[in-house]
């Protein structure tokens, strides 16, 4: 993966040596979702009413040599007008993309959920799932469709600056550079396949690079593998993953790693009604260094688990939903329990 940045630069140069494009078309899509949220055993949160801000402006066109281009900007941030942006160029050799806090390659989600996937839809707890290029400004390359058998697709991404986690406009430089003792760059790859009808398999791996150089420093790594299978009205999904954060100058900051399992099942009763059940488990492992008088170290674990039950009813272009959530050992704190209930009304356009 160390050569990803050089490969991307070469493909990028080939894609950009092209003539001007034809005028593109602009489309607007999105949705409005209103929610009523009740937090149970979390004393710091009460009942809340919210309305999402989800609007996607997209444009596409064709270059006079047959290459295609697509641009999109999403207006879905809490406090920002410009939240996620992407510009992709489709060529005979594949797709080259430029992404700002967009273009996620992580596959930690099981893909099953009547309203959304498990903890990704809603959660009072904070899950540690590892790295994803979509958290930063990044460049990607995707292999052409139908290039490989069994629907195999490969995507690689490169983050040149891990401190660039905010929206950057053209010609703008990151002004918040730090020593970045825990990683300057991030390289990531995703492999997906659809060997049979109804089955999709995905896996990813991400590695940081260029740590601060301290003797205790080490690269960060995250990986996931899983699949989703749909047969008739039933869909099941399962993912396993691991995450070792990058380490810096502290002697004990390389003692923590996470082991994750996420799975769910969904049943579509009919075209209007769907129910789902998800279990998301994340184990925080903390290694304790070997004491002077001991022959081996010790390890402590805390297993956080979230159960999510969802019901969705779609009628006339609107989706009415309810999600009930229970978390044990929330935020990797033993004995901490949290509950949450979300009632929603969503309309797409």
Protein backbone atom coordinates (compact mmCIF):
# COMPACT_ATOMS: atom_id res chain seq x y z
CA UNK A 1 0.00 0.00 0.00
CA UNK A 2 3.02 2.30 0.23
CA UNK A 3 2.88 2.87 -3.55
CA UNK A 4 -0.76 3.92 -3.67
CA UNK A 5 -0.01 7.65 -3.80
CA UNK A 6 2.34 7.23 -6.79
CA UNK A 7 -0.18 5.07 -8.66
CA UNK A 8 -2.95 7.58 -8.07
CA UNK A 9 -0.82 10.44 -9.36
CA UNK A 10 -0.08 8.52 -12.57
CA UNK A 11 -3.70 7.67 -13.23
CA UNK A 12 -4.74 11.21 -12.38
CA UNK A 13 -2.32 12.67 -14.94
CA UNK A 14 -3.65 10.34 -17.63
CA UNK A 15 -7.27 11.22 -16.83
CA UNK A 16 -6.70 14.97 -16.86
CA UNK A 17 -4.91 15.20 -20.21
CA UNK A 18 -8.25 15.61 -21.94
CA UNK A 19 -10.23 18.22 -23.84
CA UNK A 20 -12.90 20.47 -22.28
CA UNK A 21 -16.20 18.88 -21.35
CA UNK A 22 -19.70 19.34 -22.65
CA UNK A 23 -22.19 21.21 -20.49
CA UNK A 24 -23.52 19.03 -17.69
CA UNK A 25 -26.90 18.64 -16.05
CA UNK A 26 -27.68 19.72 -12.50
CA UNK A 27 -30.01 17.68 -10.29
CA UNK A 28 -31.23 18.12 -6.73
CA UNK A 29 -32.08 15.18 -4.49
CA UNK A 30 -32.40 14.71 -0.79
CA UNK A 31 -34.84 14.20 2.00
CA UNK A 32 -36.37 15.67 5.11
CA UNK A 33 -36.57 13.64 8.32
CA UNK A 34 -38.20 14.77 11.54
CA UNK A 35 -37.46 12.80 14.71
CA UNK A 36 -38.63 12.66 18.30
CA UNK A 37 -35.90 11.13 20.44
CA UNK A 38 -36.18 9.93 24.02
CA UNK A 39 -33.03 9.02 25.95
CA UNK A 40 -33.66 6.74 28.89
CA UNK A 41 -30.89 5.96 31.38
CA UNK A 42 -28.59 8.74 30.18
CA UNK A 43 -29.14 11.56 32.66
CA UNK A 44 -27.29 14.04 30.44
CA UNK A 45 -29.86 13.88 27.64
CA UNK A 46 -33.62 14.30 27.58
CA UNK A 47 -36.34 14.39 24.96
CA UNK A 48 -35.44 16.08 21.69
CA UNK A 49 -37.15 17.09 18.43
CA UNK A 50 -34.99 17.48 15.34
CA UNK A 51 -35.22 17.88 11.58
CA UNK A 52 -32.40 16.71 9.33
CA UNK A 53 -30.75 18.85 6.69
CA UNK A 54 -30.13 16.55 3.72
CA UNK A 55 -29.85 18.08 0.27
CA UNK A 56 -27.55 16.78 -2.49
CA UNK A 57 -26.69 18.94 -5.50
CA UNK A 58 -25.14 16.89 -8.29
CA UNK A 59 -23.99 17.58 -11.83
CA UNK A 60 -22.70 15.25 -14.53
CA UNK A 61 -21.49 15.42 -18.10
CA UNK A 62 -19.35 13.86 -20.81
CA UNK A 63 -16.00 14.93 -22.23
CA UNK A 64 -15.50 14.96 -25.97
CA UNK A 65 -13.22 11.90 -25.76
CA UNK A 66 -15.96 9.81 -24.11
CA UNK A 67 -14.81 10.22 -20.52
CA UNK A 68 -17.48 11.16 -17.97
CA UNK A 69 -17.49 13.40 -14.93
CA UNK A 70 -19.68 13.72 -11.85
CA UNK A 71 -19.73 16.39 -9.17
CA UNK A 72 -21.77 16.45 -5.98
CA UNK A 73 -22.04 18.59 -2.89
CA UNK A 74 -24.13 17.62 0.12
CA UNK A 75 -25.77 20.09 2.45
CA UNK A 76 -26.32 17.84 5.45
CA UNK A 77 -24.10 19.19 8.19
CA UNK A 78 -25.32 20.50 11.53
CA UNK A 79 -23.55 23.85 11.22
CA UNK A 80 -21.94 23.89 7.76
CA UNK A 81 -23.48 24.85 4.45
CA UNK A 82 -21.02 22.70 2.49
CA UNK A 83 -20.60 19.34 4.19
CA UNK A 84 -19.33 16.72 1.69
CA UNK A 85 -18.02 17.19 -1.84
CA UNK A 86 -16.84 14.84 -4.58
CA UNK A 87 -15.55 15.13 -8.15
CA UNK A 88 -15.01 11.91 -10.13
CA UNK A 89 -13.69 11.29 -13.64
CA UNK A 90 -14.73 8.07 -15.40
CA UNK A 91 -12.17 6.72 -17.87
CA UNK A 92 -11.52 3.50 -19.79
CA UNK A 93 -8.93 2.67 -17.11
CA UNK A 94 -11.29 3.16 -14.19
CA UNK A 95 -12.52 6.03 -12.06
CA UNK A 96 -10.42 8.70 -10.39
CA UNK A 97 -12.08 10.63 -7.59
CA UNK A 98 -11.37 13.66 -5.43
CA UNK A 99 -13.27 13.66 -2.13
CA UNK A 100 -13.58 16.06 0.79
CA UNK A 101 -14.98 14.25 3.87
CA UNK A 102 -16.69 11.87 1.45
CA UNK A 103 -16.04 8.58 -0.37
CA UNK A 104 -16.02 6.15 2.55
CA UNK A 105 -14.33 2.79 1.97
CA UNK A 106 -14.85 1.20 5.39
CA UNK A 107 -17.14 -1.85 5.38
CA UNK A 108 -17.86 -2.13 9.10
CA UNK A 109 -21.64 -1.90 8.53
CA UNK A 110 -23.69 -5.06 8.06
CA UNK A 111 -25.98 -3.25 5.63
CA UNK A 112 -29.12 -4.52 7.35
CA UNK A 113 -31.75 -2.28 8.90
CA UNK A 114 -35.33 -1.25 8.22
CA UNK A 115 -34.43 2.42 8.82
CA UNK A 116 -30.63 2.24 8.82
CA UNK A 117 -27.82 -0.04 9.87
CA UNK A 118 -27.66 -0.67 13.62
CA UNK A 119 -25.42 1.75 15.52
CA UNK A 120 -24.91 3.79 12.34
CA UNK A 121 -28.59 4.76 12.33
CA UNK A 122 -28.69 5.86 15.97
CA UNK A 123 -26.73 5.21 19.14
CA UNK A 124 -26.29 6.91 22.51
CA UNK A 125 -22.84 5.29 22.71
CA UNK A 126 -19.61 5.90 20.83
CA UNK A 127 -18.29 2.92 18.81
CA UNK A 128 -14.62 2.67 17.84
CA UNK A 129 -14.58 1.18 14.33
CA UNK A 130 -11.25 2.40 12.98
CA UNK A 131 -10.09 4.54 10.08
CA UNK A 132 -11.93 5.66 6.95
CA UNK A 133 -10.69 7.99 4.23
CA UNK A 134 -14.06 9.77 4.29
CA UNK A 135 -13.01 11.50 7.51
CA UNK A 136 -10.44 13.51 5.53
CA UNK A 137 -9.68 15.03 2.13
CA UNK A 138 -8.67 12.10 -0.08
CA UNK A 139 -7.96 10.83 -3.60
CA UNK A 140 -9.23 7.47 -4.89
CA UNK A 141 -9.00 5.06 -7.80
CA UNK A 142 -11.69 2.46 -8.64
CA UNK A 143 -11.25 -0.39 -11.10
CA UNK A 144 -13.62 -0.43 -14.12
CA UNK A 145 -16.93 -2.23 -13.76
CA UNK A 146 -16.95 -5.83 -15.09
CA UNK A 147 -13.14 -5.88 -15.32
CA UNK A 148 -12.85 -8.86 -12.96
CA UNK A 149 -15.02 -11.99 -12.60
CA UNK A 150 -17.68 -12.52 -9.90
CA UNK A 151 -18.34 -8.81 -9.74
CA UNK A 152 -15.01 -8.14 -8.03
CA UNK A 153 -14.22 -4.47 -7.59
CA UNK A 154 -11.18 -2.81 -6.07
CA UNK A 155 -10.97 0.70 -4.66
CA UNK A 156 -7.88 2.36 -3.19
CA UNK A 157 -7.70 5.67 -1.38
CA UNK A 158 -4.96 7.99 -0.16
CA UNK A 159 -5.12 10.74 2.46
CA UNK A 160 -2.09 13.05 2.12
CA UNK A 161 -2.77 14.95 5.34
CA UNK A 162 -4.64 13.47 8.30
CA UNK A 163 -5.03 16.87 9.94
CA UNK A 164 -7.29 17.97 7.03
CA UNK A 165 -10.60 16.93 8.56
CA UNK A 166 -12.58 20.03 7.56
CA UNK A 167 -13.89 21.39 4.27
CA UNK A 168 -11.10 22.69 2.04
CA UNK A 169 -11.82 24.73 -1.06
CA UNK A 170 -9.69 24.77 -4.22
CA UNK A 171 -6.20 26.19 -3.67
CA UNK A 172 -6.80 26.22 0.09
CA UNK A 173 -4.19 24.77 2.43
CA UNK A 174 -4.69 23.25 5.86
CA UNK A 175 -3.72 25.82 8.48
CA UNK A 176 -3.91 23.59 11.55
CA UNK A 177 -0.80 21.46 11.07
CA UNK A 178 0.46 19.71 14.19
CA UNK A 179 3.34 17.38 14.91
CA UNK A 180 0.98 14.54 13.97
CA UNK A 181 2.74 12.07 16.20
CA UNK A 182 -0.01 9.55 15.48
CA UNK A 183 -0.07 9.57 11.69
CA UNK A 184 0.38 12.00 8.82
CA UNK A 185 -0.99 9.96 5.92
CA UNK A 186 -3.58 7.21 5.50
CA UNK A 187 -3.76 4.52 2.85
CA UNK A 188 -6.82 2.33 2.38
CA UNK A 189 -8.08 -0.42 0.09
CA UNK A 190 -11.48 -2.06 -0.35
CA UNK A 191 -12.37 -5.26 -2.20
CA UNK A 192 -15.96 -6.23 -2.99
CA UNK A 193 -17.55 -9.15 -4.83
CA UNK A 194 -20.99 -10.49 -5.83
CA UNK A 195 -20.33 -14.16 -6.64
CA UNK A 196 -23.99 -15.20 -6.67
CA UNK A 197 -27.36 -13.47 -6.84
CA UNK A 198 -28.29 -11.87 -3.54
CA UNK A 199 -24.82 -12.17 -1.98
CA UNK A 200 -22.39 -9.29 -1.57
CA UNK A 201 -19.00 -9.61 0.14
CA UNK A 202 -16.76 -6.73 1.18
CA UNK A 203 -13.52 -6.21 3.01
CA UNK A 204 -11.21 -3.30 3.73
CA UNK A 205 -7.87 -2.47 5.31
CA UNK A 206 -6.47 0.91 6.34
CA UNK A 207 -2.95 1.82 7.53
CA UNK A 208 -1.52 5.11 8.77
CA UNK A 209 2.02 6.18 7.98
CA UNK A 210 4.72 8.69 8.99
CA UNK A 211 4.32 8.70 12.75
CA UNK A 212 6.28 11.11 14.90
CA UNK A 213 9.32 8.85 15.14
CA UNK A 214 9.25 8.20 18.88
CA UNK A 215 10.50 4.81 19.99
CA UNK A 216 7.03 3.96 21.24
CA UNK A 217 5.31 5.00 18.01
CA UNK A 218 3.63 2.53 15.70
CA UNK A 219 1.36 2.58 12.65
CA UNK A 220 -2.37 2.45 13.15
CA UNK A 221 -4.33 -0.26 11.36
CA UNK A 222 -7.99 -1.15 10.88
CA UNK A 223 -9.64 -3.97 8.91
CA UNK A 224 -13.13 -5.36 8.32
CA UNK A 225 -14.64 -8.24 6.37
CA UNK A 226 -18.26 -9.30 6.02
CA UNK A 227 -21.18 -9.96 3.77
CA UNK A 228 -24.89 -9.51 3.18
CA UNK A 229 -27.25 -12.10 1.71
CA UNK A 230 -30.83 -11.48 0.60
CA UNK A 231 -33.19 -14.33 -0.15
CA UNK A 232 -36.81 -13.53 -0.77
CA UNK A 233 -38.09 -11.18 1.91
CA UNK A 234 -35.20 -11.80 4.31
CA UNK A 235 -31.77 -10.12 4.45
CA UNK A 236 -28.95 -11.06 6.83
CA UNK A 237 -25.61 -9.33 7.32
CA UNK A 238 -22.47 -10.04 9.33
CA UNK A 239 -19.17 -8.17 9.76
CA UNK A 240 -16.04 -8.75 11.85
CA UNK A 241 -13.34 -6.14 12.28
CA UNK A 242 -10.42 -4.93 14.33
CA UNK A 243 -8.83 -1.57 15.11
CA UNK A 244 -5.42 -0.70 16.56
CA UNK A 245 -5.02 3.09 16.87
CA UNK A 246 -1.79 4.70 15.79
CA UNK A 247 0.53 5.38 18.71
CA UNK A 248 2.73 8.30 19.58
CA UNK A 249 5.12 9.33 22.32
CA UNK A 250 3.35 7.95 25.40
CA UNK A 251 4.83 4.71 26.64
CA UNK A 252 1.43 3.14 27.30
CA UNK A 253 -0.67 4.42 24.41
CA UNK A 254 -0.13 1.32 22.30
CA UNK A 255 -1.86 -0.97 24.75
CA UNK A 256 -5.44 -0.54 23.48
CA UNK A 257 -7.13 -2.30 20.57
CA UNK A 258 -10.72 -3.11 19.58
CA UNK A 259 -12.43 -6.26 18.29
CA UNK A 260 -15.82 -5.77 16.64
CA UNK A 261 -18.74 -7.90 15.50
CA UNK A 262 -21.83 -6.43 13.85
CA UNK A 263 -24.77 -8.46 12.55
CA UNK A 264 -28.44 -8.10 11.77
CA UNK A 265 -31.51 -9.58 10.13
CA UNK A 266 -34.29 -7.80 8.25
CA UNK A 267 -37.70 -9.05 7.15
CA UNK A 268 -39.75 -7.18 4.56
CA UNK A 269 -43.31 -8.08 5.45
CA UNK A 270 -44.56 -6.49 2.24
CA UNK A 271 -43.75 -3.46 0.07
CA UNK A 272 -44.80 -1.12 2.89
CA UNK A 273 -43.67 -2.74 6.16
CA UNK A 274 -40.19 -3.83 7.21
CA UNK A 275 -38.73 -4.93 10.56
CA UNK A 276 -35.11 -5.52 11.58
CA UNK A 277 -32.95 -6.55 14.53
CA UNK A 278 -29.25 -5.69 14.95
CA UNK A 279 -26.62 -6.63 17.50
CA UNK A 280 -23.41 -4.57 17.50
CA UNK A 281 -20.59 -5.65 19.79
CA UNK A 282 -17.26 -3.91 20.33
CA UNK A 283 -14.65 -5.21 22.77
CA UNK A 284 -12.04 -2.81 24.11
CA UNK A 285 -8.84 -4.66 25.05
CA UNK A 286 -6.30 -2.96 27.31
CA UNK A 287 -2.93 -4.60 27.76
CA UNK A 288 -1.03 -3.99 30.98
CA UNK A 289 2.77 -3.98 30.77
CA UNK A 290 4.78 -6.71 32.46
CA UNK A 291 5.65 -5.74 36.03
CA UNK A 292 9.20 -6.00 37.31
CA UNK A 293 8.37 -9.02 39.43
CA UNK A 294 6.10 -10.75 36.90
CA UNK A 295 6.80 -13.05 33.95
CA UNK A 296 3.84 -11.96 31.84
CA UNK A 297 1.51 -9.01 31.38
CA UNK A 298 -2.23 -8.92 31.86
CA UNK A 299 -5.17 -7.76 29.78
CA UNK A 300 -8.53 -6.30 30.70
CA UNK A 301 -11.58 -6.26 28.41
CA UNK A 302 -14.86 -4.38 28.32
CA UNK A 303 -17.52 -5.59 25.87
CA UNK A 304 -19.99 -2.90 24.76
CA UNK A 305 -23.13 -4.24 23.09
CA UNK A 306 -26.03 -2.48 21.39
CA UNK A 307 -29.31 -4.10 20.41
CA UNK A 308 -31.46 -2.22 17.90
CA UNK A 309 -35.03 -3.10 16.93
CA UNK A 310 -36.57 -1.14 14.03
CA UNK A 311 -39.95 -0.92 12.34
CA UNK A 312 -40.56 1.04 9.12
CA UNK A 313 -43.84 1.77 7.36
CA UNK A 314 -43.74 3.45 3.93
CA UNK A 315 -46.82 5.04 2.42
CA UNK A 316 -47.25 7.67 -0.26
CA UNK A 317 -43.55 8.60 -0.43
CA UNK A 318 -43.21 8.96 3.34
CA UNK A 319 -41.60 6.56 5.82
CA UNK A 320 -42.77 6.38 9.42
CA UNK A 321 -40.31 4.60 11.68
CA UNK A 322 -39.56 3.64 15.23
CA UNK A 323 -36.23 2.42 16.59
CA UNK A 324 -35.66 1.05 20.09
CA UNK A 325 -32.05 0.88 21.31
CA UNK A 326 -30.42 -0.69 24.38
CA UNK A 327 -26.71 -0.45 25.16
CA UNK A 328 -24.80 -2.29 27.86
CA UNK A 329 -21.34 -1.17 29.05
CA UNK A 330 -21.95 1.99 27.05
CA UNK A 331 -18.87 3.97 25.96
CA UNK A 332 -16.75 1.01 27.13
CA UNK A 333 -17.65 1.75 30.76
CA UNK A 334 -18.48 -1.36 32.76
CA UNK A 335 -21.98 -1.25 34.23
CA UNK A 336 -23.11 1.81 32.26
CA UNK A 337 -26.46 1.19 30.54
CA UNK A 338 -28.21 3.51 28.10
CA UNK A 339 -31.46 3.33 26.16
CA UNK A 340 -32.86 5.40 23.32
CA UNK A 341 -36.09 5.49 21.34
CA UNK A 342 -36.37 7.35 18.02
CA UNK A 343 -39.70 8.00 16.29
CA UNK A 344 -39.23 9.41 12.79
CA UNK A 345 -41.02 10.72 9.73
CA UNK A 346 -38.94 10.79 6.56
CA UNK A 347 -39.77 12.18 3.13
CA UNK A 348 -37.48 11.79 0.09
CA UNK A 349 -37.38 14.00 -2.97
